């Protein structure tokens, strides 16, 4: 995955990854801001001249309930 900047990667995580929002949902605004800044710092380790780049694996699955 390649994203233009650390800021863009953070925005994507804030807007598209509900799991991150859920984990931070119970924090007050100040603690949530601190947590997002820590996440931004972690994203920075994947940043270079070409933006943010990381190897990722997405697992997609589907299923159905068997008829009774």
PDB file of N, CA and C in Angstrom:
ATOM      1  N   UNK A   1       0.846  -1.156   0.000  1.00  0.00           N
ATOM      2  CA  UNK A   1       0.000   0.000   0.000  1.00  0.00           C
ATOM      3  C   UNK A   1       0.896   1.223   0.000  1.00  0.00           C
ATOM      4  N   UNK A   2       0.597   2.170  -0.841  1.00  0.00           N
ATOM      5  CA  UNK A   2       1.343   3.427  -0.889  1.00  0.00           C
ATOM      6  C   UNK A   2       0.372   4.595  -0.744  1.00  0.00           C
ATOM      7  N   UNK A   3       0.709   5.512   0.129  1.00  0.00           N
ATOM      8  CA  UNK A   3      -0.105   6.703   0.384  1.00  0.00           C
ATOM      9  C   UNK A   3       0.835   7.901   0.345  1.00  0.00           C
ATOM     10  N   UNK A   4       0.348   9.014  -0.157  1.00  0.00           N
ATOM     11  CA  UNK A   4       1.197  10.169  -0.428  1.00  0.00           C
ATOM     12  C   UNK A   4       1.930  10.719   0.792  1.00  0.00           C
ATOM     13  N   UNK A   5       1.304  10.697   1.974  1.00  0.00           N
ATOM     14  CA  UNK A   5       1.957  11.298   3.141  1.00  0.00           C
ATOM     15  C   UNK A   5       1.467  10.644   4.431  1.00  0.00           C
ATOM     16  N   UNK A   6       2.174  10.922   5.511  1.00  0.00           N
ATOM     17  CA  UNK A   6       1.779  10.422   6.826  1.00  0.00           C
ATOM     18  C   UNK A   6       0.402  10.986   7.186  1.00  0.00           C
ATOM     19  N   UNK A   7       0.184  12.268   6.904  1.00  0.00           N
ATOM     20  CA  UNK A   7      -1.106  12.889   7.189  1.00  0.00           C
ATOM     21  C   UNK A   7      -2.243  12.218   6.444  1.00  0.00           C
ATOM     22  N   UNK A   8      -2.011  11.891   5.169  1.00  0.00           N
ATOM     23  CA  UNK A   8      -3.038  11.198   4.385  1.00  0.00           C
ATOM     24  C   UNK A   8      -3.307   9.805   4.944  1.00  0.00           C
ATOM     25  N   UNK A   9      -2.259   9.120   5.370  1.00  0.00           N
ATOM     26  CA  UNK A   9      -2.423   7.780   5.948  1.00  0.00           C
ATOM     27  C   UNK A   9      -3.222   7.858   7.241  1.00  0.00           C
ATOM     28  N   UNK A  10      -2.924   8.857   8.072  1.00  0.00           N
ATOM     29  CA  UNK A  10      -3.654   9.022   9.322  1.00  0.00           C
ATOM     30  C   UNK A  10      -5.126   9.330   9.049  1.00  0.00           C
ATOM     31  N   UNK A  11      -5.386  10.200   8.098  1.00  0.00           N
ATOM     32  CA  UNK A  11      -6.768  10.528   7.739  1.00  0.00           C
ATOM     33  C   UNK A  11      -7.515   9.284   7.271  1.00  0.00           C
ATOM     34  N   UNK A  12      -6.857   8.474   6.457  1.00  0.00           N
ATOM     35  CA  UNK A  12      -7.486   7.243   5.988  1.00  0.00           C
ATOM     36  C   UNK A  12      -7.836   6.347   7.172  1.00  0.00           C
ATOM     37  N   UNK A  13      -6.920   6.224   8.118  1.00  0.00           N
ATOM     38  CA  UNK A  13      -7.174   5.382   9.281  1.00  0.00           C
ATOM     39  C   UNK A  13      -8.318   5.941  10.117  1.00  0.00           C
ATOM     40  N   UNK A  14      -8.370   7.248  10.260  1.00  0.00           N
ATOM     41  CA  UNK A  14      -9.418   7.867  11.065  1.00  0.00           C
ATOM     42  C   UNK A  14     -10.793   7.730  10.409  1.00  0.00           C
ATOM     43  N   UNK A  15     -10.828   7.791   9.095  1.00  0.00           N
ATOM     44  CA  UNK A  15     -12.104   7.793   8.393  1.00  0.00           C
ATOM     45  C   UNK A  15     -12.569   6.416   7.936  1.00  0.00           C
ATOM     46  N   UNK A  16     -11.646   5.527   7.626  1.00  0.00           N
ATOM     47  CA  UNK A  16     -12.028   4.270   6.991  1.00  0.00           C
ATOM     48  C   UNK A  16     -11.901   3.047   7.892  1.00  0.00           C
ATOM     49  N   UNK A  17     -11.093   3.112   8.906  1.00  0.00           N
ATOM     50  CA  UNK A  17     -10.849   1.934   9.742  1.00  0.00           C
ATOM     51  C   UNK A  17     -11.635   2.049  11.045  1.00  0.00           C
ATOM     52  N   UNK A  18     -12.845   1.555  11.037  1.00  0.00           N
ATOM     53  CA  UNK A  18     -13.718   1.638  12.202  1.00  0.00           C
ATOM     54  C   UNK A  18     -13.144   1.012  13.456  1.00  0.00           C
ATOM     55  N   UNK A  19     -12.292   0.018  13.299  1.00  0.00           N
ATOM     56  CA  UNK A  19     -11.714  -0.642  14.472  1.00  0.00           C
ATOM     57  C   UNK A  19     -10.875   0.330  15.296  1.00  0.00           C
ATOM     58  N   UNK A  20     -10.139   1.207  14.637  1.00  0.00           N
ATOM     59  CA  UNK A  20      -9.346   2.208  15.367  1.00  0.00           C
ATOM     60  C   UNK A  20     -10.260   3.161  16.112  1.00  0.00           C
ATOM     61  N   UNK A  21     -11.306   3.630  15.437  1.00  0.00           N
ATOM     62  CA  UNK A  21     -12.242   4.547  16.093  1.00  0.00           C
ATOM     63  C   UNK A  21     -12.905   3.876  17.289  1.00  0.00           C
ATOM     64  N   UNK A  22     -13.249   2.606  17.147  1.00  0.00           N
ATOM     65  CA  UNK A  22     -13.908   1.883  18.238  1.00  0.00           C
ATOM     66  C   UNK A  22     -12.996   1.765  19.455  1.00  0.00           C
ATOM     67  N   UNK A  23     -11.731   1.487  19.226  1.00  0.00           N
ATOM     68  CA  UNK A  23     -10.785   1.345  20.334  1.00  0.00           C
ATOM     69  C   UNK A  23     -10.616   2.670  21.078  1.00  0.00           C
ATOM     70  N   UNK A  24     -10.672   3.772  20.353  1.00  0.00           N
ATOM     71  CA  UNK A  24     -10.448   5.087  20.955  1.00  0.00           C
ATOM     72  C   UNK A  24     -11.732   5.774  21.402  1.00  0.00           C
ATOM     73  N   UNK A  25     -12.876   5.178  21.134  1.00  0.00           N
ATOM     74  CA  UNK A  25     -14.164   5.825  21.362  1.00  0.00           C
ATOM     75  C   UNK A  25     -14.406   6.222  22.820  1.00  0.00           C
ATOM     76  N   UNK A  26     -13.921   5.452  23.761  1.00  0.00           N
ATOM     77  CA  UNK A  26     -14.187   5.730  25.173  1.00  0.00           C
ATOM     78  C   UNK A  26     -13.235   6.749  25.788  1.00  0.00           C
ATOM     79  N   UNK A  27     -12.260   7.199  25.011  1.00  0.00           N
ATOM     80  CA  UNK A  27     -11.310   8.190  25.522  1.00  0.00           C
ATOM     81  C   UNK A  27     -11.904   9.590  25.425  1.00  0.00           C
ATOM     82  N   UNK A  28     -11.506  10.469  26.361  1.00  0.00           N
ATOM     83  CA  UNK A  28     -11.929  11.857  26.227  1.00  0.00           C
ATOM     84  C   UNK A  28     -11.141  12.494  25.084  1.00  0.00           C
ATOM     85  N   UNK A  29     -11.534  13.678  24.658  1.00  0.00           N
ATOM     86  CA  UNK A  29     -10.931  14.320  23.484  1.00  0.00           C
ATOM     87  C   UNK A  29      -9.417  14.463  23.607  1.00  0.00           C
ATOM     88  N   UNK A  30      -8.943  14.852  24.776  1.00  0.00           N
ATOM     89  CA  UNK A  30      -7.495  15.053  24.966  1.00  0.00           C
ATOM     90  C   UNK A  30      -6.732  13.744  24.811  1.00  0.00           C
ATOM     91  N   UNK A  31      -7.211  12.695  25.450  1.00  0.00           N
ATOM     92  CA  UNK A  31      -6.533  11.395  25.362  1.00  0.00           C
ATOM     93  C   UNK A  31      -6.637  10.821  23.954  1.00  0.00           C
ATOM     94  N   UNK A  32      -7.762  11.065  23.288  1.00  0.00           N
ATOM     95  CA  UNK A  32      -7.925  10.586  21.908  1.00  0.00           C
ATOM     96  C   UNK A  32      -6.918  11.285  20.988  1.00  0.00           C
ATOM     97  N   UNK A  33      -6.735  12.588  21.175  1.00  0.00           N
ATOM     98  CA  UNK A  33      -5.750  13.320  20.376  1.00  0.00           C
ATOM     99  C   UNK A  33      -4.339  12.789  20.613  1.00  0.00           C
ATOM    100  N   UNK A  34      -4.023  12.489  21.864  1.00  0.00           N
ATOM    101  CA  UNK A  34      -2.710  11.923  22.186  1.00  0.00           C
ATOM    102  C   UNK A  34      -2.544  10.575  21.484  1.00  0.00           C
ATOM    103  N   UNK A  35      -3.575   9.741  21.529  1.00  0.00           N
ATOM    104  CA  UNK A  35      -3.505   8.425  20.888  1.00  0.00           C
ATOM    105  C   UNK A  35      -3.310   8.560  19.382  1.00  0.00           C
ATOM    106  N   UNK A  36      -4.084   9.446  18.721  1.00  0.00           N
ATOM    107  CA  UNK A  36      -3.925   9.627  17.272  1.00  0.00           C
ATOM    108  C   UNK A  36      -2.529  10.156  16.945  1.00  0.00           C
ATOM    109  N   UNK A  37      -1.971  11.012  17.788  1.00  0.00           N
ATOM    110  CA  UNK A  37      -0.600  11.493  17.545  1.00  0.00           C
ATOM    111  C   UNK A  37       0.409  10.360  17.672  1.00  0.00           C
ATOM    112  N   UNK A  38       0.187   9.449  18.609  1.00  0.00           N
ATOM    113  CA  UNK A  38       1.076   8.289  18.736  1.00  0.00           C
ATOM    114  C   UNK A  38       0.954   7.387  17.508  1.00  0.00           C
ATOM    115  N   UNK A  39      -0.265   7.214  17.016  1.00  0.00           N
ATOM    116  CA  UNK A  39      -0.468   6.420  15.798  1.00  0.00           C
ATOM    117  C   UNK A  39       0.231   7.091  14.627  1.00  0.00           C
ATOM    118  N   UNK A  40       0.115   8.415  14.527  1.00  0.00           N
ATOM    119  CA  UNK A  40       0.785   9.164  13.454  1.00  0.00           C
ATOM    120  C   UNK A  40       2.296   8.955  13.528  1.00  0.00           C
ATOM    121  N   UNK A  41       2.861   8.992  14.733  1.00  0.00           N
ATOM    122  CA  UNK A  41       4.299   8.753  14.891  1.00  0.00           C
ATOM    123  C   UNK A  41       4.674   7.350  14.419  1.00  0.00           C
ATOM    124  N   UNK A  42       3.832   6.373  14.720  1.00  0.00           N
ATOM    125  CA  UNK A  42       4.102   4.999  14.271  1.00  0.00           C
ATOM    126  C   UNK A  42       4.047   4.893  12.745  1.00  0.00           C
ATOM    127  N   UNK A  43       3.084   5.574  12.130  1.00  0.00           N
ATOM    128  CA  UNK A  43       2.987   5.569  10.666  1.00  0.00           C
ATOM    129  C   UNK A  43       4.256   6.141  10.058  1.00  0.00           C
ATOM    130  N   UNK A  44       4.847   7.127  10.723  1.00  0.00           N
ATOM    131  CA  UNK A  44       6.046   7.788  10.217  1.00  0.00           C
ATOM    132  C   UNK A  44       7.197   6.844   9.934  1.00  0.00           C
ATOM    133  N   UNK A  45       7.251   5.721  10.619  1.00  0.00           N
ATOM    134  CA  UNK A  45       8.349   4.771  10.381  1.00  0.00           C
ATOM    135  C   UNK A  45       8.269   4.134   9.002  1.00  0.00           C
ATOM    136  N   UNK A  46       7.100   4.248   8.345  1.00  0.00           N
ATOM    137  CA  UNK A  46       6.922   3.695   7.012  1.00  0.00           C
ATOM    138  C   UNK A  46       6.999   4.771   5.933  1.00  0.00           C
ATOM    139  N   UNK A  47       7.403   5.977   6.325  1.00  0.00           N
ATOM    140  CA  UNK A  47       7.432   7.110   5.411  1.00  0.00           C
ATOM    141  C   UNK A  47       8.815   7.277   4.783  1.00  0.00           C
ATOM    142  N   UNK A  48       8.807   7.608   3.505  1.00  0.00           N
ATOM    143  CA  UNK A  48      10.039   7.873   2.779  1.00  0.00           C
ATOM    144  C   UNK A  48       9.771   8.917   1.709  1.00  0.00           C
ATOM    145  N   UNK A  49      10.673   9.026   0.748  1.00  0.00           N
ATOM    146  CA  UNK A  49      10.522  10.026  -0.305  1.00  0.00           C
ATOM    147  C   UNK A  49       9.257   9.816  -1.135  1.00  0.00           C
ATOM    148  N   UNK A  50       8.829   8.587  -1.275  1.00  0.00           N
ATOM    149  CA  UNK A  50       7.650   8.294  -2.079  1.00  0.00           C
ATOM    150  C   UNK A  50       6.357   8.308  -1.293  1.00  0.00           C
ATOM    151  N   UNK A  51       6.398   8.744  -0.050  1.00  0.00           N
ATOM    152  CA  UNK A  51       5.215   8.747   0.797  1.00  0.00           C
ATOM    153  C   UNK A  51       5.281   7.614   1.798  1.00  0.00           C
ATOM    154  N   UNK A  52       4.139   7.140   2.200  1.00  0.00           N
ATOM    155  CA  UNK A  52       4.044   6.053   3.166  1.00  0.00           C
ATOM    156  C   UNK A  52       3.817   4.756   2.399  1.00  0.00           C
ATOM    157  N   UNK A  53       4.627   3.758   2.710  1.00  0.00           N
ATOM    158  CA  UNK A  53       4.518   2.491   2.008  1.00  0.00           C
ATOM    159  C   UNK A  53       4.652   1.354   3.014  1.00  0.00           C
ATOM    160  N   UNK A  54       3.738   0.398   2.924  1.00  0.00           N
ATOM    161  CA  UNK A  54       3.788  -0.751   3.825  1.00  0.00           C
ATOM    162  C   UNK A  54       3.201  -1.963   3.125  1.00  0.00           C
ATOM    163  N   UNK A  55       3.767  -3.115   3.410  1.00  0.00           N
ATOM    164  CA  UNK A  55       3.190  -4.364   2.924  1.00  0.00           C
ATOM    165  C   UNK A  55       1.995  -4.697   3.807  1.00  0.00           C
ATOM    166  N   UNK A  56       0.905  -5.032   3.167  1.00  0.00           N
ATOM    167  CA  UNK A  56      -0.308  -5.348   3.904  1.00  0.00           C
ATOM    168  C   UNK A  56      -0.974  -6.568   3.288  1.00  0.00           C
ATOM    169  N   UNK A  57      -1.707  -7.263   4.116  1.00  0.00           N
ATOM    170  CA  UNK A  57      -2.523  -8.368   3.643  1.00  0.00           C
ATOM    171  C   UNK A  57      -3.941  -8.127   4.114  1.00  0.00           C
ATOM    172  N   UNK A  58      -4.866  -8.149   3.183  1.00  0.00           N
ATOM    173  CA  UNK A  58      -6.276  -8.027   3.521  1.00  0.00           C
ATOM    174  C   UNK A  58      -6.920  -9.387   3.304  1.00  0.00           C
ATOM    175  N   UNK A  59      -7.624  -9.853   4.285  1.00  0.00           N
ATOM    176  CA  UNK A  59      -8.341 -11.116   4.163  1.00  0.00           C
ATOM    177  C   UNK A  59      -9.821 -10.801   4.033  1.00  0.00           C
ATOM    178  N   UNK A  60     -10.408 -11.273   2.972  1.00  0.00           N
ATOM    179  CA  UNK A  60     -11.828 -11.092   2.743  1.00  0.00           C
ATOM    180  C   UNK A  60     -12.496 -12.455   2.784  1.00  0.00           C
ATOM    181  N   UNK A  61     -13.629 -12.513   3.418  1.00  0.00           N
ATOM    182  CA  UNK A  61     -14.341 -13.778   3.510  1.00  0.00           C
ATOM    183  C   UNK A  61     -15.845 -13.522   3.419  1.00  0.00           C
ATOM    184  N   UNK A  62     -16.539 -14.534   3.013  1.00  0.00           N
ATOM    185  CA  UNK A  62     -17.994 -14.463   3.027  1.00  0.00           C
ATOM    186  C   UNK A  62     -18.529 -15.828   3.415  1.00  0.00           C
ATOM    187  N   UNK A  63     -19.755 -15.861   3.788  1.00  0.00           N
ATOM    188  CA  UNK A  63     -20.354 -17.139   4.164  1.00  0.00           C
ATOM    189  C   UNK A  63     -21.865 -17.030   4.168  1.00  0.00           C
ATOM    190  N   UNK A  64     -22.480 -18.145   4.322  1.00  0.00           N
ATOM    191  CA  UNK A  64     -23.932 -18.209   4.406  1.00  0.00           C
ATOM    192  C   UNK A  64     -24.320 -19.156   5.521  1.00  0.00           C
ATOM    193  N   UNK A  65     -25.512 -18.984   6.013  1.00  0.00           N
ATOM    194  CA  UNK A  65     -26.049 -19.928   6.987  1.00  0.00           C
ATOM    195  C   UNK A  65     -26.633 -21.112   6.235  1.00  0.00           C
ATOM    196  N   UNK A  66     -26.297 -22.317   6.643  1.00  0.00           N
ATOM    197  CA  UNK A  66     -26.882 -23.482   5.962  1.00  0.00           C
ATOM    198  C   UNK A  66     -28.390 -23.530   6.244  1.00  0.00           C
ATOM    199  N   UNK A  67     -29.171 -24.014   5.293  1.00  0.00           N
ATOM    200  CA  UNK A  67     -30.613 -24.122   5.524  1.00  0.00           C
ATOM    201  C   UNK A  67     -30.883 -25.116   6.657  1.00  0.00           C
ATOM    202  N   UNK A  68     -31.918 -24.840   7.414  1.00  0.00           N
ATOM    203  CA  UNK A  68     -32.280 -25.738   8.516  1.00  0.00           C
ATOM    204  C   UNK A  68     -33.007 -26.950   8.028  1.00  0.00           C
TER     205      UNK A  68
END
